[in-house]
């Protein structure tokens, strides 16, 4: 028998806040977390802006010794996971840890660790390479550390599917619980990609915005003046739980996941094909038995790239037909920037809060709408609207598509 899957805890680390309440207030109010990069290393880069953090309170979560052995992406994931568990009010001592899993992915993993140790090798020889380099840099280590710290012995999975990673982690965790293999799973993504090599690589692709003089306005999805995404860092983690398991322990239920669609374009490594994204949305709706006309909101992938935003708009039209013009769509990457593997976790949390509060976040910087992007993208200011169903889209390089369908919970 298939089981219902609900969310009982969430956690966020981002340039817009280090807890969900602060983060959500900033999102509702249309605040940008993008700023100029001050380091001299970026001075000759085409892009010199990002959604980076200078005030992450690592000491609140991890002791100094462990922090020195964890890459930043693992630190972010651990902090967000602890927040999610605290909100879920889990009794770590009594929960059946054999039935609790950890599904946390990262698109890039410990790239800072790799670069730092490469510099040590080049400048000082192999004996200066850290013995912790390998466990620090591998992408599965965020989930591994969290499982070790809490003793969760259920399934562990760390997808790496570029910008679809977070959605895929949550979607696969949802299926695992739905089909009875686990009672609860921590799921989401973490990313700490901001470094000169990553910036140089994406700049060479001409994928990132070069609107350096106005960083808060640089991420402008669906706007005709958009010129690329803005790289960001952080983590978004959800605690997913089987409905009866949550009710039995008296948990507060934040929302329900009802569907998940995962497809591959099989088309091009960086250019999207809207039919793959449309198929993923259709699959999520079908799994959740959701009438497309009942969907009130889509948290778009909306990266602010010229091609990607048009493709997603076409995918939404392909999926929803005439209803595409009635539902609300917004890209919160206009505020957060693009967190790659962490984007899906962050945006799932935004979607849940939209359902709970009946407030749909804006797409900021949407001043001159692209004629080919002609849906209601909630420009510049949040709107109030009671909604029952919402989608969260995640699409990644390589043609990976992962879509989550959420339902407002009826307590």
Protein backbone atom coordinates (compact mmCIF):
# COMPACT_ATOMS: atom_id res chain seq x y z
CA UNK A 1 0.00 0.00 0.00
CA UNK A 2 1.36 3.42 -0.95
CA UNK A 3 1.73 5.83 1.94
CA UNK A 4 1.37 9.61 2.29
CA UNK A 5 4.53 11.66 2.74
CA UNK A 6 4.60 14.92 4.67
CA UNK A 7 7.17 17.51 5.71
CA UNK A 8 7.62 18.16 9.42
CA UNK A 9 10.89 20.12 9.51
CA UNK A 10 12.88 22.51 7.36
CA UNK A 11 16.27 24.20 7.57
CA UNK A 12 17.99 26.91 5.54
CA UNK A 13 21.45 28.42 5.32
CA UNK A 14 21.67 31.16 2.69
CA UNK A 15 22.78 34.68 1.93
CA UNK A 16 19.22 35.75 2.81
CA UNK A 17 19.22 34.22 6.27
CA UNK A 18 20.54 31.41 8.42
CA UNK A 19 17.12 30.21 9.57
CA UNK A 20 13.82 29.62 7.82
CA UNK A 21 11.89 32.46 9.44
CA UNK A 22 14.45 35.13 8.53
CA UNK A 23 14.86 33.64 5.06
CA UNK A 24 11.12 33.55 4.39
CA UNK A 25 10.60 37.13 5.59
CA UNK A 26 13.30 38.32 3.21
CA UNK A 27 11.82 36.32 0.34
CA UNK A 28 8.30 37.70 0.95
CA UNK A 29 9.68 41.22 1.03
CA UNK A 30 11.61 40.88 -2.21
CA UNK A 31 15.06 41.32 -0.71
CA UNK A 32 18.15 40.36 -2.70
CA UNK A 33 21.01 38.35 -1.24
CA UNK A 34 23.42 39.20 -4.07
CA UNK A 35 26.49 41.37 -3.42
CA UNK A 36 29.85 42.22 -4.90
CA UNK A 37 32.79 39.90 -4.29
CA UNK A 38 35.49 41.88 -2.53
CA UNK A 39 38.44 39.52 -2.95
CA UNK A 40 41.18 40.60 -5.34
CA UNK A 41 40.99 37.14 -6.92
CA UNK A 42 37.79 38.17 -8.69
CA UNK A 43 38.94 41.59 -9.86
CA UNK A 44 39.74 40.42 -13.41
CA UNK A 45 36.67 38.18 -13.73
CA UNK A 46 33.83 39.02 -16.10
CA UNK A 47 31.48 38.30 -13.19
CA UNK A 48 32.28 39.74 -9.75
CA UNK A 49 29.01 39.23 -7.85
CA UNK A 50 27.47 36.34 -5.94
CA UNK A 51 25.14 35.20 -3.20
CA UNK A 52 27.88 34.51 -0.68
CA UNK A 53 28.01 34.57 3.12
CA UNK A 54 30.49 36.21 5.44
CA UNK A 55 28.60 35.58 8.68
CA UNK A 56 27.74 31.87 8.70
CA UNK A 57 27.61 30.97 12.43
CA UNK A 58 29.46 27.66 12.15
CA UNK A 59 30.22 27.60 15.89
CA UNK A 60 26.49 27.24 16.63
CA UNK A 61 26.47 23.87 14.91
CA UNK A 62 29.95 22.35 14.67
CA UNK A 63 32.91 22.41 17.03
CA UNK A 64 36.16 23.93 15.81
CA UNK A 65 37.94 20.60 15.34
CA UNK A 66 35.20 19.12 13.15
CA UNK A 67 34.73 22.35 11.21
CA UNK A 68 38.37 22.12 10.13
CA UNK A 69 37.67 18.67 8.70
CA UNK A 70 34.47 19.51 6.81
CA UNK A 71 34.23 21.39 3.53
CA UNK A 72 31.87 24.36 3.62
CA UNK A 73 29.12 22.50 1.73
CA UNK A 74 29.06 19.87 4.49
CA UNK A 75 29.00 22.55 7.18
CA UNK A 76 26.03 24.21 5.50
CA UNK A 77 24.19 20.89 5.12
CA UNK A 78 24.78 19.92 8.73
CA UNK A 79 23.47 23.27 10.00
CA UNK A 80 20.33 23.13 7.82
CA UNK A 81 19.72 19.49 8.81
CA UNK A 82 19.92 20.34 12.50
CA UNK A 83 17.36 23.10 12.01
CA UNK A 84 15.04 20.67 10.23
CA UNK A 85 15.34 18.08 12.98
CA UNK A 86 14.81 20.70 15.68
CA UNK A 87 11.64 21.95 13.98
CA UNK A 88 10.40 18.39 13.50
CA UNK A 89 10.93 17.87 17.25
CA UNK A 90 12.46 14.45 16.73
CA UNK A 91 13.41 12.43 19.79
CA UNK A 92 16.74 11.09 18.56
CA UNK A 93 16.90 8.55 21.40
CA UNK A 94 13.58 6.83 20.71
CA UNK A 95 13.10 7.04 16.95
CA UNK A 96 13.85 3.83 15.02
CA UNK A 97 17.12 4.88 13.38
CA UNK A 98 17.09 1.88 11.08
CA UNK A 99 14.06 3.49 9.41
CA UNK A 100 15.49 7.01 9.02
CA UNK A 101 17.57 7.90 5.97
CA UNK A 102 19.61 10.80 4.59
CA UNK A 103 19.27 11.92 0.95
CA UNK A 104 21.44 15.00 0.52
CA UNK A 105 23.10 15.87 -2.76
CA UNK A 106 25.55 18.44 -4.07
CA UNK A 107 26.16 19.47 -7.65
CA UNK A 108 29.84 20.29 -7.14
CA UNK A 109 30.79 19.03 -3.67
CA UNK A 110 34.02 20.10 -2.03
CA UNK A 111 35.56 22.09 -4.85
CA UNK A 112 37.25 24.53 -2.44
CA UNK A 113 38.96 21.60 -0.72
CA UNK A 114 40.22 20.27 -4.04
CA UNK A 115 41.66 23.63 -5.08
CA UNK A 116 43.27 24.35 -1.73
CA UNK A 117 45.02 20.98 -1.67
CA UNK A 118 46.08 21.26 -5.29
CA UNK A 119 47.80 24.53 -4.36
CA UNK A 120 49.54 22.80 -1.43
CA UNK A 121 50.70 19.99 -3.71
CA UNK A 122 52.01 22.39 -6.33
CA UNK A 123 53.74 24.75 -3.91
CA UNK A 124 54.92 22.47 -1.10
CA UNK A 125 54.77 18.85 -2.25
CA UNK A 126 52.58 15.83 -1.50
CA UNK A 127 53.23 15.75 2.25
CA UNK A 128 51.37 19.04 2.61
CA UNK A 129 48.16 17.59 1.17
CA UNK A 130 45.62 17.11 3.95
CA UNK A 131 44.84 13.52 5.01
CA UNK A 132 41.23 14.72 5.20
CA UNK A 133 41.14 15.93 1.61
CA UNK A 134 39.26 12.95 0.16
CA UNK A 135 36.45 12.74 2.75
CA UNK A 136 36.16 16.53 2.67
CA UNK A 137 35.68 16.82 -1.08
CA UNK A 138 33.48 13.87 -2.08
CA UNK A 139 29.87 14.90 -2.67
CA UNK A 140 28.29 12.21 -0.52
CA UNK A 141 30.05 13.34 2.63
CA UNK A 142 27.41 15.88 3.72
CA UNK A 143 24.89 13.06 4.01
CA UNK A 144 27.50 10.74 5.48
CA UNK A 145 28.46 13.14 8.28
CA UNK A 146 24.83 13.85 9.17
CA UNK A 147 24.04 10.12 9.33
CA UNK A 148 27.09 9.51 11.54
CA UNK A 149 26.29 12.39 13.91
CA UNK A 150 22.68 11.30 14.43
CA UNK A 151 23.07 7.57 13.99
CA UNK A 152 20.57 7.32 11.14
CA UNK A 153 21.07 3.86 9.62
CA UNK A 154 18.40 3.91 6.92
CA UNK A 155 19.14 4.44 3.23
CA UNK A 156 21.63 7.09 2.20
CA UNK A 157 21.72 8.60 -1.26
CA UNK A 158 23.61 11.58 -2.69
CA UNK A 159 22.42 12.48 -6.18
CA UNK A 160 24.62 14.62 -8.41
CA UNK A 161 22.42 15.98 -11.19
CA UNK A 162 23.61 19.58 -11.46
CA UNK A 163 20.84 22.07 -10.71
CA UNK A 164 18.20 19.33 -10.41
CA UNK A 165 20.09 17.72 -7.51
CA UNK A 166 18.05 19.08 -4.60
CA UNK A 167 14.70 18.27 -6.21
CA UNK A 168 15.91 14.81 -7.13
CA UNK A 169 17.09 14.10 -3.59
CA UNK A 170 13.71 15.13 -2.18
CA UNK A 171 11.81 13.27 -4.90
CA UNK A 172 13.70 10.01 -4.43
CA UNK A 173 13.31 10.28 -0.65
CA UNK A 174 9.59 10.82 -1.16
CA UNK A 175 9.36 7.61 -3.24
CA UNK A 176 11.34 5.64 -0.67
CA UNK A 177 8.93 6.59 2.12
CA UNK A 178 5.85 6.33 -0.10
CA UNK A 179 6.65 2.71 -0.93
CA UNK A 180 7.37 1.72 2.65
CA UNK A 181 11.15 1.37 2.80
CA UNK A 182 11.66 4.14 5.37
CA UNK A 183 9.63 6.09 7.92
CA UNK A 184 11.54 9.37 7.57
CA UNK A 185 14.36 10.88 5.52
CA UNK A 186 16.35 14.11 5.70
CA UNK A 187 16.48 15.35 2.10
CA UNK A 188 17.79 18.31 0.14
CA UNK A 189 21.03 19.77 -1.11
CA UNK A 190 24.08 21.81 -0.17
CA UNK A 191 26.55 23.83 -2.19
CA UNK A 192 29.65 25.97 -1.62
CA UNK A 193 30.82 26.69 -5.18
CA UNK A 194 32.06 30.27 -4.93
CA UNK A 195 35.72 30.28 -5.91
CA UNK A 196 37.77 31.76 -8.76
CA UNK A 197 37.99 28.56 -10.81
CA UNK A 198 34.23 28.01 -10.85
CA UNK A 199 33.69 31.66 -11.71
CA UNK A 200 36.22 31.51 -14.52
CA UNK A 201 34.65 28.34 -15.93
CA UNK A 202 31.08 29.62 -15.91
CA UNK A 203 32.24 33.01 -17.21
CA UNK A 204 33.91 31.30 -20.16
CA UNK A 205 30.56 29.65 -20.88
CA UNK A 206 28.95 33.11 -20.75
CA UNK A 207 26.40 31.63 -18.38
CA UNK A 208 26.65 34.19 -15.56
CA UNK A 209 25.41 37.75 -15.34
CA UNK A 210 28.00 40.51 -15.79
CA UNK A 211 25.84 43.25 -14.29
CA UNK A 212 28.49 43.84 -11.64
CA UNK A 213 27.65 47.48 -10.87
CA UNK A 214 24.13 46.62 -9.71
CA UNK A 215 24.44 43.25 -7.98
CA UNK A 216 20.99 43.28 -6.38
CA UNK A 217 19.46 43.76 -9.83
CA UNK A 218 21.63 41.29 -11.73
CA UNK A 219 19.40 38.22 -11.38
CA UNK A 220 16.32 39.13 -13.41
CA UNK A 221 14.46 36.04 -14.62
CA UNK A 222 12.02 36.50 -17.50
CA UNK A 223 13.16 40.10 -18.02
CA UNK A 224 14.36 41.08 -21.50
CA UNK A 225 17.59 42.48 -19.99
CA UNK A 226 18.59 39.26 -18.25
CA UNK A 227 22.07 38.08 -19.17
CA UNK A 228 22.77 35.03 -17.01
CA UNK A 229 22.50 33.54 -13.55
CA UNK A 230 24.22 34.64 -10.32
CA UNK A 231 26.14 31.97 -8.39
CA UNK A 232 25.23 31.46 -4.72
CA UNK A 233 25.97 29.14 -1.79
CA UNK A 234 24.04 27.54 1.04
CA UNK A 235 21.77 24.63 1.90
CA UNK A 236 18.10 23.70 2.11
CA UNK A 237 17.06 20.52 3.97
CA UNK A 238 13.62 19.03 4.65
CA UNK A 239 12.60 16.31 7.08
CA UNK A 240 10.19 14.04 5.21
CA UNK A 241 8.02 11.66 7.17
CA UNK A 242 5.29 9.10 6.60
CA UNK A 243 1.96 10.70 7.49
CA UNK A 244 0.79 8.22 10.15
CA UNK A 245 4.28 8.16 11.69
CA UNK A 246 4.16 11.93 12.01
CA UNK A 247 0.62 11.97 13.42
CA UNK A 248 1.39 9.25 15.93
CA UNK A 249 4.18 11.27 17.51
CA UNK A 250 2.15 14.51 17.43
CA UNK A 251 4.32 16.31 14.87
CA UNK A 252 3.26 19.59 13.29
CA UNK A 253 2.82 18.91 9.58
CA UNK A 254 3.97 21.72 7.29
CA UNK A 255 2.77 20.30 3.99
CA UNK A 256 2.47 17.18 1.89
CA UNK A 257 4.46 15.96 -1.11
CA UNK A 258 2.09 14.23 -3.49
CA UNK A 259 4.02 13.85 -6.73
CA UNK A 260 7.45 13.71 -8.33
CA UNK A 261 8.48 13.70 -11.96
CA UNK A 262 11.99 12.93 -13.16
CA UNK A 263 13.04 12.96 -16.83
CA UNK A 264 16.02 13.55 -19.07
CA UNK A 265 16.01 15.73 -22.18
CA UNK A 266 18.54 13.53 -24.02
CA UNK A 267 19.10 16.59 -26.16
CA UNK A 268 22.10 18.83 -25.29
CA UNK A 269 24.54 19.25 -22.41
CA UNK A 270 23.56 22.86 -21.64
CA UNK A 271 20.65 23.89 -23.89
CA UNK A 272 17.28 22.71 -22.56
CA UNK A 273 14.49 21.05 -24.50
CA UNK A 274 11.16 22.21 -23.08
CA UNK A 275 9.44 18.88 -23.78
CA UNK A 276 11.57 17.11 -21.14
CA UNK A 277 10.68 19.68 -18.49
CA UNK A 278 7.02 19.53 -19.50
CA UNK A 279 7.02 15.74 -19.22
CA UNK A 280 8.50 15.95 -15.69
CA UNK A 281 5.74 18.35 -14.63
CA UNK A 282 3.11 16.07 -16.17
CA UNK A 283 4.51 13.04 -14.33
CA UNK A 284 4.49 14.88 -10.99
CA UNK A 285 0.86 15.87 -11.51
CA UNK A 286 -0.16 12.36 -12.56
CA UNK A 287 1.55 10.74 -9.59
CA UNK A 288 -0.21 13.12 -7.22
CA UNK A 289 -3.52 12.75 -9.08
CA UNK A 290 -3.56 16.53 -9.35
CA UNK A 291 -5.84 18.20 -11.89
CA UNK A 292 -3.59 20.72 -13.70
CA UNK A 293 -6.34 23.35 -13.35
CA UNK A 294 -6.07 23.11 -9.54
CA UNK A 295 -2.40 24.15 -9.46
CA UNK A 296 -2.16 27.73 -8.23
CA UNK A 297 1.59 28.36 -8.15
CA UNK A 298 4.87 27.21 -9.67
CA UNK A 299 8.22 28.02 -8.14
CA UNK A 300 10.10 28.19 -11.41
CA UNK A 301 13.64 27.04 -12.05
CA UNK A 302 14.00 30.50 -13.63
CA UNK A 303 17.76 31.03 -13.60
CA UNK A 304 17.81 34.34 -15.52
CA UNK A 305 19.51 32.86 -18.58
CA UNK A 306 18.15 34.01 -21.95
CA UNK A 307 17.46 30.52 -23.28
CA UNK A 308 16.48 28.75 -20.07
CA UNK A 309 13.68 31.11 -19.05
CA UNK A 310 12.05 30.93 -22.49
CA UNK A 311 12.28 27.15 -22.48
CA UNK A 312 10.66 26.87 -19.05
CA UNK A 313 7.88 29.24 -20.10
CA UNK A 314 7.19 27.01 -23.10
CA UNK A 315 7.25 23.91 -20.86
CA UNK A 316 4.64 25.43 -18.56
CA UNK A 317 2.41 26.32 -21.52
CA UNK A 318 2.88 22.83 -22.94
CA UNK A 319 1.85 21.26 -19.62
CA UNK A 320 -1.02 23.52 -18.57
CA UNK A 321 -2.46 24.85 -21.79
CA UNK A 322 -4.81 27.80 -21.22
CA UNK A 323 -4.43 27.42 -17.43
CA UNK A 324 -0.78 28.52 -17.77
CA UNK A 325 -2.06 32.08 -18.03
CA UNK A 326 -4.17 31.76 -14.86
CA UNK A 327 -1.63 30.33 -12.43
CA UNK A 328 1.15 32.29 -10.72
CA UNK A 329 4.79 31.59 -11.53
CA UNK A 330 7.78 33.16 -9.82
CA UNK A 331 11.53 32.71 -9.77
CA UNK A 332 12.94 33.25 -6.31
CA UNK A 333 16.42 32.95 -7.81
CA UNK A 334 15.90 36.62 -8.56
CA UNK A 335 16.59 37.06 -4.82
CA UNK A 336 18.66 34.05 -3.79
CA UNK A 337 20.76 33.65 -6.91
CA UNK A 338 21.41 30.12 -8.12
CA UNK A 339 22.52 27.60 -5.48
CA UNK A 340 23.02 24.74 -7.97
CA UNK A 341 22.57 21.49 -6.02
CA UNK A 342 21.04 23.32 -3.06
CA UNK A 343 18.49 25.22 -5.15
CA UNK A 344 15.86 22.47 -5.00
CA UNK A 345 15.94 22.27 -1.21
CA UNK A 346 15.76 26.03 -0.78
CA UNK A 347 12.93 26.36 -3.28
CA UNK A 348 10.94 23.44 -1.87
CA UNK A 349 10.95 25.26 1.47
CA UNK A 350 9.77 28.47 -0.22
CA UNK A 351 6.98 26.53 -1.95
CA UNK A 352 5.87 24.97 1.34
CA UNK A 353 5.76 28.37 3.04
CA UNK A 354 3.77 29.76 0.12
CA UNK A 355 1.17 27.05 0.63
CA UNK A 356 1.06 27.55 4.39
CA UNK A 357 0.85 31.35 4.36
CA UNK A 358 -1.07 31.91 1.13
CA UNK A 359 1.64 34.33 0.03
CA UNK A 360 3.31 33.93 -3.35
CA UNK A 361 6.83 35.38 -3.51
CA UNK A 362 7.83 37.80 -6.26
CA UNK A 363 10.17 37.67 -9.18
CA UNK A 364 12.12 40.83 -8.44
CA UNK A 365 13.87 42.92 -11.11
CA UNK A 366 11.15 42.05 -13.62
CA UNK A 367 10.89 45.55 -15.06
CA UNK A 368 10.86 44.85 -18.80
CA UNK A 369 9.15 41.50 -19.45
CA UNK A 370 10.46 39.47 -22.36
CA UNK A 371 7.74 39.21 -25.00
CA UNK A 372 8.41 35.46 -25.21
CA UNK A 373 7.96 35.12 -21.46
CA UNK A 374 4.34 36.16 -21.14
CA UNK A 375 2.99 34.40 -18.03
CA UNK A 376 2.16 35.92 -14.63
CA UNK A 377 5.56 35.87 -12.91
CA UNK A 378 4.42 37.85 -9.82
CA UNK A 379 6.57 40.85 -10.76
CA UNK A 380 8.45 42.68 -8.00
CA UNK A 381 5.95 42.29 -5.14
CA UNK A 382 4.50 39.27 -3.36
CA UNK A 383 0.78 38.61 -3.66
CA UNK A 384 -1.70 36.93 -1.36
CA UNK A 385 -3.53 33.97 -2.84
CA UNK A 386 -4.98 30.86 -1.20
CA UNK A 387 -3.56 27.85 -3.03
CA UNK A 388 -3.91 24.12 -2.53
CA UNK A 389 -1.37 22.72 -4.99
CA UNK A 390 2.01 24.01 -6.14
CA UNK A 391 4.96 22.75 -8.17
CA UNK A 392 8.68 23.35 -7.67
CA UNK A 393 10.82 22.92 -10.79
CA UNK A 394 14.48 21.98 -11.01
CA UNK A 395 16.39 21.54 -14.27
CA UNK A 396 20.11 20.84 -14.65
CA UNK A 397 22.94 20.73 -17.17
CA UNK A 398 22.92 17.40 -18.95
CA UNK A 399 19.16 17.63 -19.43
CA UNK A 400 18.15 16.51 -15.93
CA UNK A 401 14.61 17.49 -14.90
CA UNK A 402 13.05 16.98 -11.47
CA UNK A 403 9.68 18.40 -10.42
CA UNK A 404 7.96 18.18 -7.03
CA UNK A 405 4.22 18.56 -6.44
CA UNK A 406 3.14 19.88 -3.03
CA UNK A 407 -0.27 20.03 -1.37
CA UNK A 408 -1.45 22.31 1.41
CA UNK A 409 -2.06 20.08 4.40
CA UNK A 410 -5.52 19.79 5.91
CA UNK A 411 -4.74 19.35 9.58
